[in-house]
PDB file of all heavy atoms in Angstrom:
ATOM      1  N   VAL A   1       0.838  -1.201   0.000  1.00  0.00           N
ATOM      2  CA  VAL A   1       0.000   0.000   0.000  1.00  0.00           C
ATOM      3  C   VAL A   1       0.873   1.251   0.000  1.00  0.00           C
ATOM      4  O   VAL A   1       0.620   2.215  -0.743  1.00  0.00           O
ATOM      5  CB  VAL A   1      -0.944   0.001   1.228  1.00  0.00           C
ATOM      6  CG1 VAL A   1      -1.684   1.330   1.324  1.00  0.00           C
ATOM      7  CG2 VAL A   1      -1.935  -1.150   1.140  1.00  0.00           C
ATOM      8  N   PHE A   2       1.911   1.224   0.819  1.00  0.00           N
ATOM      9  CA  PHE A   2       2.820   2.367   0.893  1.00  0.00           C
ATOM     10  C   PHE A   2       3.557   2.567  -0.435  1.00  0.00           C
ATOM     11  O   PHE A   2       3.747   3.704  -0.893  1.00  0.00           O
ATOM     12  CB  PHE A   2       3.825   2.166   2.027  1.00  0.00           C
ATOM     13  CG  PHE A   2       4.844   3.263   2.149  1.00  0.00           C
ATOM     14  CD1 PHE A   2       4.522   4.477   2.739  1.00  0.00           C
ATOM     15  CD2 PHE A   2       6.133   3.096   1.650  1.00  0.00           C
ATOM     16  CE1 PHE A   2       5.456   5.497   2.844  1.00  0.00           C
ATOM     17  CE2 PHE A   2       7.074   4.107   1.759  1.00  0.00           C
ATOM     18  CZ  PHE A   2       6.738   5.311   2.353  1.00  0.00           C
ATOM     19  N   GLY A   3       3.973   1.468  -1.077  1.00  0.00           N
ATOM     20  CA  GLY A   3       4.672   1.560  -2.362  1.00  0.00           C
ATOM     21  C   GLY A   3       3.823   2.240  -3.419  1.00  0.00           C
ATOM     22  O   GLY A   3       4.308   3.092  -4.177  1.00  0.00           O
ATOM     23  N   LYS A   4       2.534   1.876  -3.462  1.00  0.00           N
ATOM     24  CA  LYS A   4       1.623   2.512  -4.422  1.00  0.00           C
ATOM     25  C   LYS A   4       1.443   3.998  -4.095  1.00  0.00           C
ATOM     26  O   LYS A   4       1.342   4.836  -4.996  1.00  0.00           O
ATOM     27  CB  LYS A   4       0.271   1.800  -4.400  1.00  0.00           C
ATOM     28  CG  LYS A   4       0.304   0.392  -4.974  1.00  0.00           C
ATOM     29  CD  LYS A   4      -1.068  -0.273  -4.887  1.00  0.00           C
ATOM     30  CE  LYS A   4      -1.023  -1.696  -5.450  1.00  0.00           C
ATOM     31  NZ  LYS A   4      -2.341  -2.375  -5.323  1.00  0.00           N
ATOM     32  N   PHE A   5       1.410   4.311  -2.792  1.00  0.00           N
ATOM     33  CA  PHE A   5       1.255   5.693  -2.353  1.00  0.00           C
ATOM     34  C   PHE A   5       2.436   6.537  -2.824  1.00  0.00           C
ATOM     35  O   PHE A   5       2.257   7.633  -3.380  1.00  0.00           O
ATOM     36  CB  PHE A   5       1.145   5.733  -0.820  1.00  0.00           C
ATOM     37  CG  PHE A   5       0.809   7.086  -0.259  1.00  0.00           C
ATOM     38  CD1 PHE A   5      -0.482   7.398   0.122  1.00  0.00           C
ATOM     39  CD2 PHE A   5       1.790   8.064  -0.096  1.00  0.00           C
ATOM     40  CE1 PHE A   5      -0.804   8.643   0.650  1.00  0.00           C
ATOM     41  CE2 PHE A   5       1.491   9.311   0.426  1.00  0.00           C
ATOM     42  CZ  PHE A   5       0.185   9.602   0.798  1.00  0.00           C
ATOM     43  N   VAL A   6       3.656   6.031  -2.621  1.00  0.00           N
ATOM     44  CA  VAL A   6       4.862   6.768  -3.004  1.00  0.00           C
ATOM     45  C   VAL A   6       4.930   6.952  -4.520  1.00  0.00           C
ATOM     46  O   VAL A   6       5.280   8.032  -5.017  1.00  0.00           O
ATOM     47  CB  VAL A   6       6.124   6.047  -2.486  1.00  0.00           C
ATOM     48  CG1 VAL A   6       7.384   6.709  -3.037  1.00  0.00           C
ATOM     49  CG2 VAL A   6       6.160   6.047  -0.969  1.00  0.00           C
ATOM     50  N   THR A   7       4.581   5.902  -5.253  1.00  0.00           N
ATOM     51  CA  THR A   7       4.602   5.989  -6.721  1.00  0.00           C
ATOM     52  C   THR A   7       3.621   7.044  -7.216  1.00  0.00           C
ATOM     53  O   THR A   7       3.938   7.847  -8.104  1.00  0.00           O
ATOM     54  CB  THR A   7       4.260   4.625  -7.334  1.00  0.00           C
ATOM     55  OG1 THR A   7       5.237   3.654  -6.917  1.00  0.00           O
ATOM     56  CG2 THR A   7       4.251   4.701  -8.856  1.00  0.00           C
ATOM     57  N   ALA A   8       2.425   7.070  -6.636  1.00  0.00           N
ATOM     58  CA  ALA A   8       1.410   8.063  -7.022  1.00  0.00           C
ATOM     59  C   ALA A   8       1.897   9.469  -6.693  1.00  0.00           C
ATOM     60  O   ALA A   8       1.698  10.417  -7.471  1.00  0.00           O
ATOM     61  CB  ALA A   8       0.098   7.764  -6.309  1.00  0.00           C
ATOM     62  N   MET A   9       2.540   9.599  -5.539  1.00  0.00           N
ATOM     63  CA  MET A   9       3.036  10.901  -5.119  1.00  0.00           C
ATOM     64  C   MET A   9       4.141  11.394  -6.058  1.00  0.00           C
ATOM     65  O   MET A   9       4.177  12.574  -6.435  1.00  0.00           O
ATOM     66  CB  MET A   9       3.586  10.766  -3.702  1.00  0.00           C
ATOM     67  CG  MET A   9       3.509  12.027  -2.866  1.00  0.00           C
ATOM     68  SD  MET A   9       3.836  11.638  -1.159  1.00  0.00           S
ATOM     69  CE  MET A   9       4.756  13.096  -0.703  1.00  0.00           C
ATOM     70  N   TYR A  10       5.032  10.497  -6.471  1.00  0.00           N
ATOM     71  CA  TYR A  10       6.118  10.863  -7.391  1.00  0.00           C
ATOM     72  C   TYR A  10       5.547  11.267  -8.749  1.00  0.00           C
ATOM     73  O   TYR A  10       5.994  12.244  -9.365  1.00  0.00           O
ATOM     74  CB  TYR A  10       7.083   9.692  -7.547  1.00  0.00           C
ATOM     75  CG  TYR A  10       8.208   9.965  -8.525  1.00  0.00           C
ATOM     76  CD1 TYR A  10       9.370  10.629  -8.117  1.00  0.00           C
ATOM     77  CD2 TYR A  10       8.110   9.584  -9.866  1.00  0.00           C
ATOM     78  CE1 TYR A  10      10.396  10.890  -9.012  1.00  0.00           C
ATOM     79  CE2 TYR A  10       9.127   9.850 -10.763  1.00  0.00           C
ATOM     80  CZ  TYR A  10      10.268  10.505 -10.329  1.00  0.00           C
ATOM     81  OH  TYR A  10      11.281  10.775 -11.216  1.00  0.00           O
ATOM     82  N   THR A  11       4.544  10.513  -9.215  1.00  0.00           N
ATOM     83  CA  THR A  11       3.917  10.831 -10.502  1.00  0.00           C
ATOM     84  C   THR A  11       3.300  12.222 -10.469  1.00  0.00           C
ATOM     85  O   THR A  11       3.448  13.007 -11.410  1.00  0.00           O
ATOM     86  CB  THR A  11       2.837   9.786 -10.837  1.00  0.00           C
ATOM     87  OG1 THR A  11       3.424   8.477 -10.846  1.00  0.00           O
ATOM     88  CG2 THR A  11       2.219  10.064 -12.194  1.00  0.00           C
ATOM     89  N   ALA A  12       2.608  12.535  -9.375  1.00  0.00           N
ATOM     90  CA  ALA A  12       1.998  13.867  -9.230  1.00  0.00           C
ATOM     91  C   ALA A  12       3.071  14.942  -9.174  1.00  0.00           C
ATOM     92  O   ALA A  12       2.941  16.006  -9.799  1.00  0.00           O
ATOM     93  CB  ALA A  12       1.146  13.905  -7.961  1.00  0.00           C
ATOM     94  N   PHE A  13       4.139  14.684  -8.432  1.00  0.00           N
ATOM     95  CA  PHE A  13       5.215  15.657  -8.259  1.00  0.00           C
ATOM     96  C   PHE A  13       5.819  16.057  -9.609  1.00  0.00           C
ATOM     97  O   PHE A  13       6.004  17.243  -9.897  1.00  0.00           O
ATOM     98  CB  PHE A  13       6.294  15.072  -7.350  1.00  0.00           C
ATOM     99  CG  PHE A  13       7.413  16.016  -7.015  1.00  0.00           C
ATOM    100  CD1 PHE A  13       7.374  16.780  -5.856  1.00  0.00           C
ATOM    101  CD2 PHE A  13       8.520  16.156  -7.846  1.00  0.00           C
ATOM    102  CE1 PHE A  13       8.401  17.657  -5.535  1.00  0.00           C
ATOM    103  CE2 PHE A  13       9.548  17.028  -7.542  1.00  0.00           C
ATOM    104  CZ  PHE A  13       9.485  17.783  -6.381  1.00  0.00           C
ATOM    105  N   THR A  14       6.127  15.075 -10.428  1.00  0.00           N
ATOM    106  CA  THR A  14       6.773  15.357 -11.715  1.00  0.00           C
ATOM    107  C   THR A  14       5.794  15.924 -12.737  1.00  0.00           C
ATOM    108  O   THR A  14       6.129  16.833 -13.497  1.00  0.00           O
ATOM    109  CB  THR A  14       7.435  14.086 -12.270  1.00  0.00           C
ATOM    110  OG1 THR A  14       6.471  13.021 -12.313  1.00  0.00           O
ATOM    111  CG2 THR A  14       8.600  13.658 -11.391  1.00  0.00           C
ATOM    112  N   ALA A  15       4.563  15.410 -12.753  1.00  0.00           N
ATOM    113  CA  ALA A  15       3.584  15.873 -13.743  1.00  0.00           C
ATOM    114  C   ALA A  15       3.161  17.308 -13.494  1.00  0.00           C
ATOM    115  O   ALA A  15       2.887  18.054 -14.446  1.00  0.00           O
ATOM    116  CB  ALA A  15       2.360  14.955 -13.721  1.00  0.00           C
ATOM    117  N   LEU A  16       3.131  17.715 -12.217  1.00  0.00           N
ATOM    118  CA  LEU A  16       2.648  19.050 -11.870  1.00  0.00           C
ATOM    119  C   LEU A  16       3.775  20.068 -11.686  1.00  0.00           C
ATOM    120  O   LEU A  16       3.518  21.212 -11.325  1.00  0.00           O
ATOM    121  CB  LEU A  16       1.817  18.974 -10.583  1.00  0.00           C
ATOM    122  CG  LEU A  16       0.550  18.110 -10.656  1.00  0.00           C
ATOM    123  CD1 LEU A  16      -0.088  17.989  -9.276  1.00  0.00           C
ATOM    124  CD2 LEU A  16      -0.441  18.696 -11.649  1.00  0.00           C
ATOM    125  N   ASP A  17       5.016  19.660 -11.924  1.00  0.00           N
ATOM    126  CA  ASP A  17       6.174  20.550 -11.744  1.00  0.00           C
ATOM    127  C   ASP A  17       6.204  21.139 -10.338  1.00  0.00           C
ATOM    128  O   ASP A  17       6.308  22.355 -10.144  1.00  0.00           O
ATOM    129  CB  ASP A  17       6.159  21.682 -12.778  1.00  0.00           C
ATOM    130  CG  ASP A  17       6.460  21.186 -14.180  1.00  0.00           C
ATOM    131  OD1 ASP A  17       7.471  20.490 -14.354  1.00  0.00           O
ATOM    132  OD2 ASP A  17       5.673  21.476 -15.100  1.00  0.00           O
ATOM    133  N   CYS A  18       6.114  20.262  -9.361  1.00  0.00           N
ATOM    134  CA  CYS A  18       6.106  20.704  -7.966  1.00  0.00           C
ATOM    135  C   CYS A  18       7.509  21.069  -7.496  1.00  0.00           C
ATOM    136  O   CYS A  18       8.508  20.553  -8.005  1.00  0.00           O
ATOM    137  CB  CYS A  18       5.546  19.612  -7.058  1.00  0.00           C
ATOM    138  SG  CYS A  18       3.806  19.240  -7.335  1.00  0.00           S
ATOM    139  N   ALA A  19       7.571  21.960  -6.531  1.00  0.00           N
ATOM    140  CA  ALA A  19       8.822  22.271  -5.855  1.00  0.00           C
ATOM    141  C   ALA A  19       8.950  21.413  -4.605  1.00  0.00           C
ATOM    142  O   ALA A  19      10.044  20.976  -4.238  1.00  0.00           O
ATOM    143  CB  ALA A  19       8.883  23.748  -5.491  1.00  0.00           C
ATOM    144  N   ILE A  20       7.829  21.180  -3.938  1.00  0.00           N
ATOM    145  CA  ILE A  20       7.798  20.302  -2.763  1.00  0.00           C
ATOM    146  C   ILE A  20       6.392  19.756  -2.580  1.00  0.00           C
ATOM    147  O   ILE A  20       5.406  20.442  -2.834  1.00  0.00           O
ATOM    148  CB  ILE A  20       8.260  21.043  -1.484  1.00  0.00           C
ATOM    149  CG1 ILE A  20       8.305  20.085  -0.288  1.00  0.00           C
ATOM    150  CG2 ILE A  20       7.351  22.217  -1.175  1.00  0.00           C
ATOM    151  CD1 ILE A  20       8.949  20.685   0.954  1.00  0.00           C
ATOM    152  N   VAL A  21       6.331  18.498  -2.186  1.00  0.00           N
ATOM    153  CA  VAL A  21       5.080  17.895  -1.717  1.00  0.00           C
ATOM    154  C   VAL A  21       5.408  17.271  -0.371  1.00  0.00           C
ATOM    155  O   VAL A  21       6.258  16.386  -0.282  1.00  0.00           O
ATOM    156  CB  VAL A  21       4.538  16.827  -2.682  1.00  0.00           C
ATOM    157  CG1 VAL A  21       3.308  16.150  -2.074  1.00  0.00           C
ATOM    158  CG2 VAL A  21       4.184  17.436  -4.029  1.00  0.00           C
ATOM    159  N   GLU A  22       4.757  17.746   0.669  1.00  0.00           N
ATOM    160  CA  GLU A  22       5.054  17.275   2.024  1.00  0.00           C
ATOM    161  C   GLU A  22       3.779  16.741   2.669  1.00  0.00           C
ATOM    162  O   GLU A  22       2.769  17.443   2.729  1.00  0.00           O
ATOM    163  CB  GLU A  22       5.628  18.408   2.866  1.00  0.00           C
ATOM    164  CG  GLU A  22       6.011  17.990   4.283  1.00  0.00           C
ATOM    165  CD  GLU A  22       6.570  19.154   5.093  1.00  0.00           C
ATOM    166  OE1 GLU A  22       5.826  20.149   5.284  1.00  0.00           O
ATOM    167  OE2 GLU A  22       7.727  19.083   5.524  1.00  0.00           O
ATOM    168  N   ILE A  23       3.834  15.508   3.134  1.00  0.00           N
ATOM    169  CA  ILE A  23       2.724  14.888   3.842  1.00  0.00           C
ATOM    170  C   ILE A  23       3.152  14.706   5.295  1.00  0.00           C
ATOM    171  O   ILE A  23       3.996  13.865   5.605  1.00  0.00           O
ATOM    172  CB  ILE A  23       2.358  13.509   3.235  1.00  0.00           C
ATOM    173  CG1 ILE A  23       2.173  13.616   1.721  1.00  0.00           C
ATOM    174  CG2 ILE A  23       1.122  12.949   3.912  1.00  0.00           C
ATOM    175  CD1 ILE A  23       1.041  14.497   1.283  1.00  0.00           C
ATOM    176  N   ASN A  24       2.578  15.506   6.168  1.00  0.00           N
ATOM    177  CA  ASN A  24       2.960  15.456   7.576  1.00  0.00           C
ATOM    178  C   ASN A  24       1.769  15.828   8.463  1.00  0.00           C
ATOM    179  O   ASN A  24       1.436  17.000   8.587  1.00  0.00           O
ATOM    180  CB  ASN A  24       4.127  16.407   7.845  1.00  0.00           C
ATOM    181  CG  ASN A  24       4.687  16.250   9.246  1.00  0.00           C
ATOM    182  OD1 ASN A  24       4.522  15.207   9.869  1.00  0.00           O
ATOM    183  ND2 ASN A  24       5.342  17.286   9.744  1.00  0.00           N
ATOM    184  N   PRO A  25       1.108  14.810   9.036  1.00  0.00           N
ATOM    185  CA  PRO A  25       1.561  13.422   9.042  1.00  0.00           C
ATOM    186  C   PRO A  25       0.960  12.585   7.909  1.00  0.00           C
ATOM    187  O   PRO A  25      -0.131  12.868   7.416  1.00  0.00           O
ATOM    188  CB  PRO A  25       1.040  12.916  10.385  1.00  0.00           C
ATOM    189  CG  PRO A  25      -0.236  13.676  10.587  1.00  0.00           C
ATOM    190  CD  PRO A  25       0.012  15.041   9.990  1.00  0.00           C
TER     191      PRO A  25
END
């Protein structure tokens, strides 16, 4: 589940030209 979460987050980060995406908590 965590692996899919990280992959989705990376895809969003690169597709949206993000500077930072922080999930806390």
